[in-house]
Protein backbone atom coordinates (compact mmCIF):
# COMPACT_ATOMS: atom_id res chain seq x y z
CA MET A 1 5.03 -20.24 6.65
CA ASN A 2 3.89 -20.77 3.05
CA LEU A 3 2.59 -17.52 1.52
CA LEU A 4 1.11 -16.34 -1.76
CA ILE A 5 1.49 -12.60 -2.41
CA THR A 6 -0.61 -10.98 -5.14
CA GLY A 7 0.85 -7.82 -6.61
CA GLY A 8 4.18 -9.50 -5.89
CA ALA A 9 6.08 -7.50 -8.52
CA GLY A 10 4.74 -4.19 -7.23
CA PHE A 11 6.32 -1.68 -4.89
CA ILE A 12 5.18 -3.11 -1.55
CA GLY A 13 4.69 -6.68 -2.76
CA SER A 14 8.23 -7.16 -4.06
CA ALA A 15 9.77 -5.66 -0.92
CA LEU A 16 7.61 -7.88 1.31
CA THR A 17 8.43 -10.94 -0.80
CA GLN A 18 12.15 -10.27 -0.39
CA ALA A 19 11.87 -9.76 3.38
CA LEU A 20 9.77 -12.86 4.00
CA ALA A 21 11.99 -15.06 1.83
CA ALA A 22 15.06 -13.77 3.69
CA ALA A 23 13.36 -14.73 6.96
CA GLY A 24 13.06 -18.33 5.74
CA HIS A 25 9.44 -18.41 4.63
CA THR A 26 8.25 -20.02 1.40
CA VAL A 27 6.88 -17.18 -0.73
CA THR A 28 5.18 -17.28 -4.14
CA PRO A 29 4.80 -13.79 -5.64
CA LEU A 30 2.06 -13.43 -8.26
CA ASP A 31 1.55 -10.49 -10.64
CA ASN A 32 0.00 -10.00 -14.07
CA LEU A 33 2.59 -7.30 -14.91
CA SER A 34 -0.13 -5.02 -16.24
CA VAL A 35 1.50 -2.05 -14.50
CA ALA A 36 5.14 -1.19 -15.23
CA SER A 37 7.29 -1.25 -12.10
CA ARG A 38 10.65 0.17 -11.15
CA ARG A 39 11.48 -2.64 -8.74
CA PRO A 40 13.52 -5.68 -9.83
CA ARG A 41 11.12 -8.55 -10.31
CA PRO A 42 11.18 -11.18 -7.56
CA LYS A 43 12.61 -14.60 -8.30
CA GLU A 44 10.10 -17.33 -9.06
CA LEU A 45 7.47 -14.74 -10.02
CA MET A 46 4.19 -16.34 -11.14
CA VAL A 47 2.90 -14.23 -14.04
CA ARG A 48 -0.86 -14.61 -13.72
CA ASP A 49 -4.03 -12.59 -13.23
CA VAL A 50 -5.57 -12.85 -9.76
CA ARG A 51 -8.95 -13.52 -11.33
CA THR A 52 -7.69 -16.83 -12.78
CA LEU A 53 -6.90 -18.25 -9.33
CA THR A 54 -9.07 -21.11 -8.12
CA ALA A 55 -9.64 -22.53 -4.66
CA GLN A 56 -7.42 -25.45 -5.65
CA ASP A 57 -4.57 -23.01 -6.33
CA LEU A 58 -4.80 -21.78 -2.73
CA ASN A 59 -4.99 -25.22 -1.16
CA GLY A 60 -1.69 -25.88 0.59
CA VAL A 61 -1.03 -22.15 1.07
CA ASP A 62 -1.08 -21.03 4.70
CA THR A 63 -1.47 -17.26 4.13
CA VAL A 64 -2.54 -15.16 1.14
CA VAL A 65 -1.46 -11.50 1.12
CA HIS A 66 -3.56 -9.60 -1.42
CA LEU A 67 -1.83 -6.39 -2.55
CA ALA A 68 -2.73 -6.32 -6.25
CA ALA A 69 -4.68 -3.18 -7.22
CA LEU A 70 -4.87 -0.14 -9.46
CA LYS A 71 -3.94 2.42 -6.82
CA SER A 72 -4.12 5.83 -8.49
CA VAL A 73 -6.73 8.03 -6.80
CA PRO A 74 -6.95 10.63 -9.65
CA ALA A 75 -7.18 7.89 -12.30
CA SER A 76 -10.00 6.23 -10.40
CA PHE A 77 -12.34 9.03 -11.46
CA GLU A 78 -12.20 7.52 -14.94
CA ILE A 79 -14.32 4.46 -15.70
CA GLY A 80 -12.49 1.20 -15.03
CA GLY A 81 -10.36 1.45 -11.90
CA PHE A 82 -13.14 1.10 -9.35
CA GLU A 83 -14.73 -1.76 -11.25
CA HIS A 84 -11.42 -3.59 -11.66
CA ASN A 85 -10.35 -3.34 -8.03
CA VAL A 86 -13.69 -4.47 -6.59
CA ALA A 87 -13.90 -7.39 -9.02
CA VAL A 88 -10.37 -8.57 -8.18
CA ASP A 89 -10.94 -8.21 -4.42
CA ARG A 90 -14.27 -10.05 -4.62
CA HIS A 91 -12.61 -12.87 -6.56
CA ILE A 92 -9.80 -13.37 -4.05
CA LEU A 93 -12.27 -13.34 -1.15
CA HIS A 94 -14.56 -15.86 -2.84
CA THR A 95 -11.64 -18.08 -3.87
CA PHE A 96 -10.08 -17.99 -0.41
CA ALA A 97 -13.39 -18.88 1.24
CA GLY A 98 -13.64 -22.00 -0.90
CA SER A 99 -10.06 -23.10 -0.27
CA THR A 100 -8.20 -24.64 2.66
CA ALA A 101 -5.86 -21.66 3.09
CA ARG A 102 -5.83 -20.49 6.69
CA ARG A 103 -5.42 -16.71 6.48
CA LEU A 104 -6.05 -13.86 4.05
CA LEU A 105 -4.62 -10.36 4.57
CA LEU A 106 -6.02 -7.70 2.23
CA ALA A 107 -4.65 -4.25 1.46
CA SER A 108 -6.90 -1.26 2.05
CA SER A 109 -6.08 2.43 2.25
CA CYS A 110 -6.25 5.49 4.47
CA GLU A 111 -8.43 6.93 1.68
CA VAL A 112 -11.43 5.17 3.25
CA TYR A 113 -11.34 7.75 6.08
CA GLY A 114 -11.84 10.72 3.76
CA GLN A 115 -12.06 14.22 5.24
CA GLN A 116 -11.75 13.78 9.01
CA SER A 117 -9.55 15.28 11.69
CA GLY A 118 -6.76 12.97 12.81
CA PRO A 119 -5.13 10.94 14.09
CA LEU A 120 -7.42 8.42 12.42
CA ALA A 121 -8.26 5.29 14.41
CA GLU A 122 -9.56 2.11 12.81
CA SER A 123 -12.96 2.77 14.39
CA ALA A 124 -13.44 6.07 12.50
CA PRO A 125 -16.35 6.05 10.01
CA TYR A 126 -16.02 5.58 6.28
CA LEU A 127 -16.07 8.89 4.38
CA PRO A 128 -14.68 8.07 0.92
CA ARG A 129 -14.13 10.95 -1.50
CA SER A 130 -12.94 9.10 -4.61
CA PRO A 131 -13.95 5.99 -6.56
CA TYR A 132 -10.70 4.37 -5.41
CA ALA A 133 -11.65 4.93 -1.77
CA ALA A 134 -15.21 3.77 -2.37
CA GLY A 135 -13.82 0.57 -3.84
CA LYS A 136 -11.74 -0.06 -0.73
CA VAL A 137 -14.83 0.55 1.43
CA ALA A 138 -16.72 -2.00 -0.67
CA THR A 139 -13.90 -4.51 -0.21
CA GLU A 140 -13.84 -4.01 3.56
CA GLN A 141 -17.59 -4.58 3.69
CA LEU A 142 -17.21 -7.73 1.61
CA VAL A 143 -14.56 -8.89 4.09
CA GLY A 144 -17.13 -8.69 6.86
CA ILE A 145 -19.56 -10.82 4.85
CA TYR A 146 -17.02 -13.50 3.96
CA ARG A 147 -15.52 -13.53 7.46
CA SER A 148 -18.91 -14.56 8.84
CA LEU A 149 -18.87 -17.63 6.58
CA LEU A 150 -15.54 -19.00 7.84
CA GLY A 151 -14.81 -21.44 10.64
CA ASP A 152 -13.07 -20.30 13.81
CA ASP A 153 -9.72 -21.65 12.59
CA ARG A 154 -9.63 -19.33 9.54
CA GLN A 155 -9.00 -15.58 9.42
CA ILE A 156 -9.34 -12.54 7.18
CA GLY A 157 -7.59 -9.28 8.10
CA VAL A 158 -7.33 -5.84 6.53
CA VAL A 159 -4.37 -3.46 6.64
CA ARG A 160 -4.89 0.21 5.77
CA PHE A 161 -1.77 1.71 4.19
CA PHE A 162 -0.80 5.36 4.65
CA ASN A 163 1.35 6.69 1.76
CA THR A 164 4.16 4.15 1.70
CA PHE A 165 7.21 5.54 -0.13
CA GLY A 166 10.79 4.65 -0.97
CA ALA A 167 13.20 3.66 -3.73
CA TYR A 168 11.59 2.08 -6.82
CA GLU A 169 8.12 3.47 -6.06
CA ASP A 170 5.91 3.85 -9.12
CA PRO A 171 5.96 7.38 -10.61
CA ASP A 172 2.29 8.21 -10.03
CA ALA A 173 2.84 9.00 -6.32
CA VAL A 174 4.09 12.24 -4.80
CA VAL A 175 7.53 11.17 -3.57
CA PRO A 176 8.78 9.53 -6.79
CA ALA A 177 7.35 12.46 -8.76
CA PHE A 178 9.42 14.83 -6.61
CA LEU A 179 12.52 12.61 -6.81
CA ASP A 180 12.22 12.37 -10.58
CA ALA A 181 11.86 16.14 -10.85
CA VAL A 182 15.04 16.93 -8.90
CA SER A 183 16.94 14.20 -10.76
CA GLU A 184 15.88 15.68 -14.09
CA GLY A 185 16.38 19.32 -13.09
CA LYS A 186 12.66 20.08 -13.28
CA PRO A 187 10.49 21.97 -10.76
CA LEU A 188 8.70 19.95 -8.11
CA MET A 189 5.00 20.23 -9.00
CA ILE A 190 2.58 20.63 -6.06
CA ASP A 191 -1.18 20.33 -6.47
CA GLY A 192 -2.74 23.35 -4.77
CA ASP A 193 -0.95 25.31 -2.06
CA GLY A 194 0.82 22.32 -0.50
CA THR A 195 -0.76 22.62 2.94
CA GLN A 196 -2.45 19.23 2.50
CA ALA A 197 -0.61 16.82 4.82
CA ARG A 198 0.13 13.13 4.41
CA ASP A 199 1.34 10.39 6.74
CA MET A 200 4.50 9.30 4.89
CA THR A 201 5.62 5.75 5.74
CA TYR A 202 9.02 4.53 4.56
CA ILE A 203 8.89 1.19 2.73
CA ASP A 204 11.21 -0.59 5.19
CA ASP A 205 8.99 0.51 8.07
CA SER A 206 5.87 -0.70 6.25
CA VAL A 207 7.49 -4.07 5.61
CA THR A 208 8.48 -4.33 9.28
CA MET A 209 4.87 -3.64 10.25
CA LEU A 210 3.57 -6.21 7.77
CA THR A 211 5.94 -8.92 8.92
CA ARG A 212 4.88 -8.37 12.52
CA ILE A 213 1.23 -8.66 11.48
CA LEU A 214 1.95 -11.88 9.60
CA ASP A 215 4.13 -13.38 12.35
CA ALA A 216 1.37 -12.95 14.95
CA PRO A 217 -0.92 -15.96 15.57
CA GLU A 218 -4.10 -14.05 14.69
CA LEU A 219 -4.94 -11.29 12.22
CA LEU A 220 -6.72 -8.21 13.51
CA PRO A 221 -9.94 -7.41 11.60
CA VAL A 222 -8.41 -4.09 10.49
CA VAL A 223 -5.22 -2.24 11.42
CA ASN A 224 -3.45 0.93 10.25
CA CYS A 225 0.01 0.81 8.67
CA GLY A 226 1.49 4.31 8.87
CA SER A 227 4.05 6.50 10.61
CA GLY A 228 1.72 8.41 12.93
CA THR A 229 2.97 11.79 11.67
CA ALA A 230 1.53 13.95 8.89
CA VAL A 231 3.82 16.09 6.72
CA PRO A 232 2.51 18.99 4.60
CA VAL A 233 3.27 18.34 0.94
CA LEU A 234 5.11 21.67 0.72
CA ASP A 235 7.39 20.58 3.58
CA LEU A 236 7.87 17.22 1.86
CA ALA A 237 9.01 19.00 -1.32
CA ARG A 238 11.45 21.09 0.69
CA ALA A 239 12.81 17.93 2.33
CA VAL A 240 13.39 16.37 -1.11
CA ILE A 241 15.26 19.50 -2.18
CA ARG A 242 17.41 19.29 0.98
CA ALA A 243 18.20 15.64 0.22
CA ALA A 244 19.11 16.43 -3.38
CA GLY A 245 20.88 19.70 -2.66
CA THR A 246 18.97 21.38 -5.47
CA GLY A 247 15.48 22.00 -6.79
CA THR A 248 12.65 24.48 -7.22
CA ILE A 249 8.92 24.32 -6.51
CA THR A 250 5.91 25.27 -8.59
CA HIS A 251 2.17 24.92 -8.02
CA THR A 252 -0.78 23.75 -10.11
CA GLU A 253 -4.52 23.41 -9.55
CA PRO A 254 -5.62 21.33 -6.54
CA ARG A 255 -6.91 17.81 -7.09
CA VAL A 256 -10.60 17.03 -7.20
CA ASN A 257 -11.93 16.32 -3.68
CA GLU A 258 -8.49 16.87 -2.15
CA ILE A 259 -8.29 15.80 1.50
CA ASP A 260 -6.65 18.14 4.02
CA SER A 261 -4.77 15.57 6.07
CA PHE A 262 -4.17 11.88 6.77
CA THR A 263 -2.53 10.83 10.04
CA ALA A 264 -2.55 7.24 11.28
CA ASP A 265 -3.53 6.48 14.84
CA LEU A 266 -1.13 3.65 15.68
CA THR A 267 -2.50 2.85 19.13
CA LEU A 268 -3.94 -0.49 18.02
CA PHE A 269 -0.85 -1.53 16.08
CA THR A 270 1.58 -0.56 18.84
CA SER A 271 -0.43 -2.20 21.62
CA THR A 272 -0.67 -5.42 19.59
CA TYR A 273 2.69 -5.68 17.82
CA GLY A 274 4.97 -3.17 19.56
CA ALA A 275 6.55 0.11 18.48
CA VAL A 276 8.61 0.38 15.27
CA ASP A 277 11.96 2.18 15.09
CA ARG A 278 11.49 4.41 12.06
CA MET A 279 13.96 5.99 9.68
CA PRO A 280 13.77 9.82 9.85
CA LEU A 281 12.07 11.38 6.83
CA ASP A 282 15.12 13.27 5.54
CA GLU A 283 17.27 10.13 5.75
CA ALA A 284 14.60 8.00 4.08
CA LEU A 285 14.31 10.50 1.22
CA ALA A 286 18.10 10.59 0.79
CA VAL A 287 18.24 6.78 0.61
CA SER A 288 15.32 6.73 -1.83
CA LEU A 289 17.02 9.33 -4.03
CA GLN A 290 20.30 7.42 -4.01
CA ASN A 291 18.82 3.97 -4.66
CA GLY A 292 15.76 4.71 -6.77
CA ALA A 293 15.85 3.53 -10.37
CA ARG A 294 14.60 6.14 -12.79
CA THR A 295 13.78 3.65 -15.54
CA LEU A 296 10.62 1.58 -15.62
CA THR A 297 10.69 -2.18 -16.09
CA PRO A 298 8.41 -2.72 -19.09
CA ALA A 299 5.19 -4.60 -18.43
């Protein structure tokens, strides 16, 4: 398989690039390096903005995996993030539609579900509570429009990620923030009381799920990529302290429009691609703490 991966120097993109290349696929990672990353950059990285891609660039590519995005939910309340993400997603959809590439898999987020009781199935309604989530909803709706324009031999799929974590994750997410804190002897900072729960998915498990999606002959219109279990953030902090053998916890004000819980319903994924053997949370945190680089690679 010949693949182009946007966001290829990012947390998920670089790990997926490495796994697919190791499996014998031809992979071209693309990234504009606008966001500093802790991961080693993939070999043969194409340094380029997604919005400069043309249909001709995608001709000869079998599958495009679009992961590039500004992913911070709190930062999305400032002007810029929503506009950027929707523009980039629209460009890749439009460019793909005009090319001869066979498949396009786009990254979405559990944030599109908003405040709902879980587990959250793909059929649940959209209830976005942030500009970031609203942007992902807009992208998914654009997918439906562009999908209707394609021939039967071409596919567009969406994968909704649930809090992927692991070594080298960017520092704006909860797990690397906690890991940095214990490494630096600082308190683990929790927004609110910590009862908000998140479906934490270890990076190796996410990559396994993605490779199964990509190895299948057809893309599902939309599928969850999560663990199926929600962990309260307070319990997550305690698990990080157990892994490190040290640490304290402090609390700050809750985030704007904080969501109580995200839990992935994996019925569709499991029935289509099979169950995934997952690394236990405590072990995954210990591995992340041991292997995570604390220094950013400059953009």
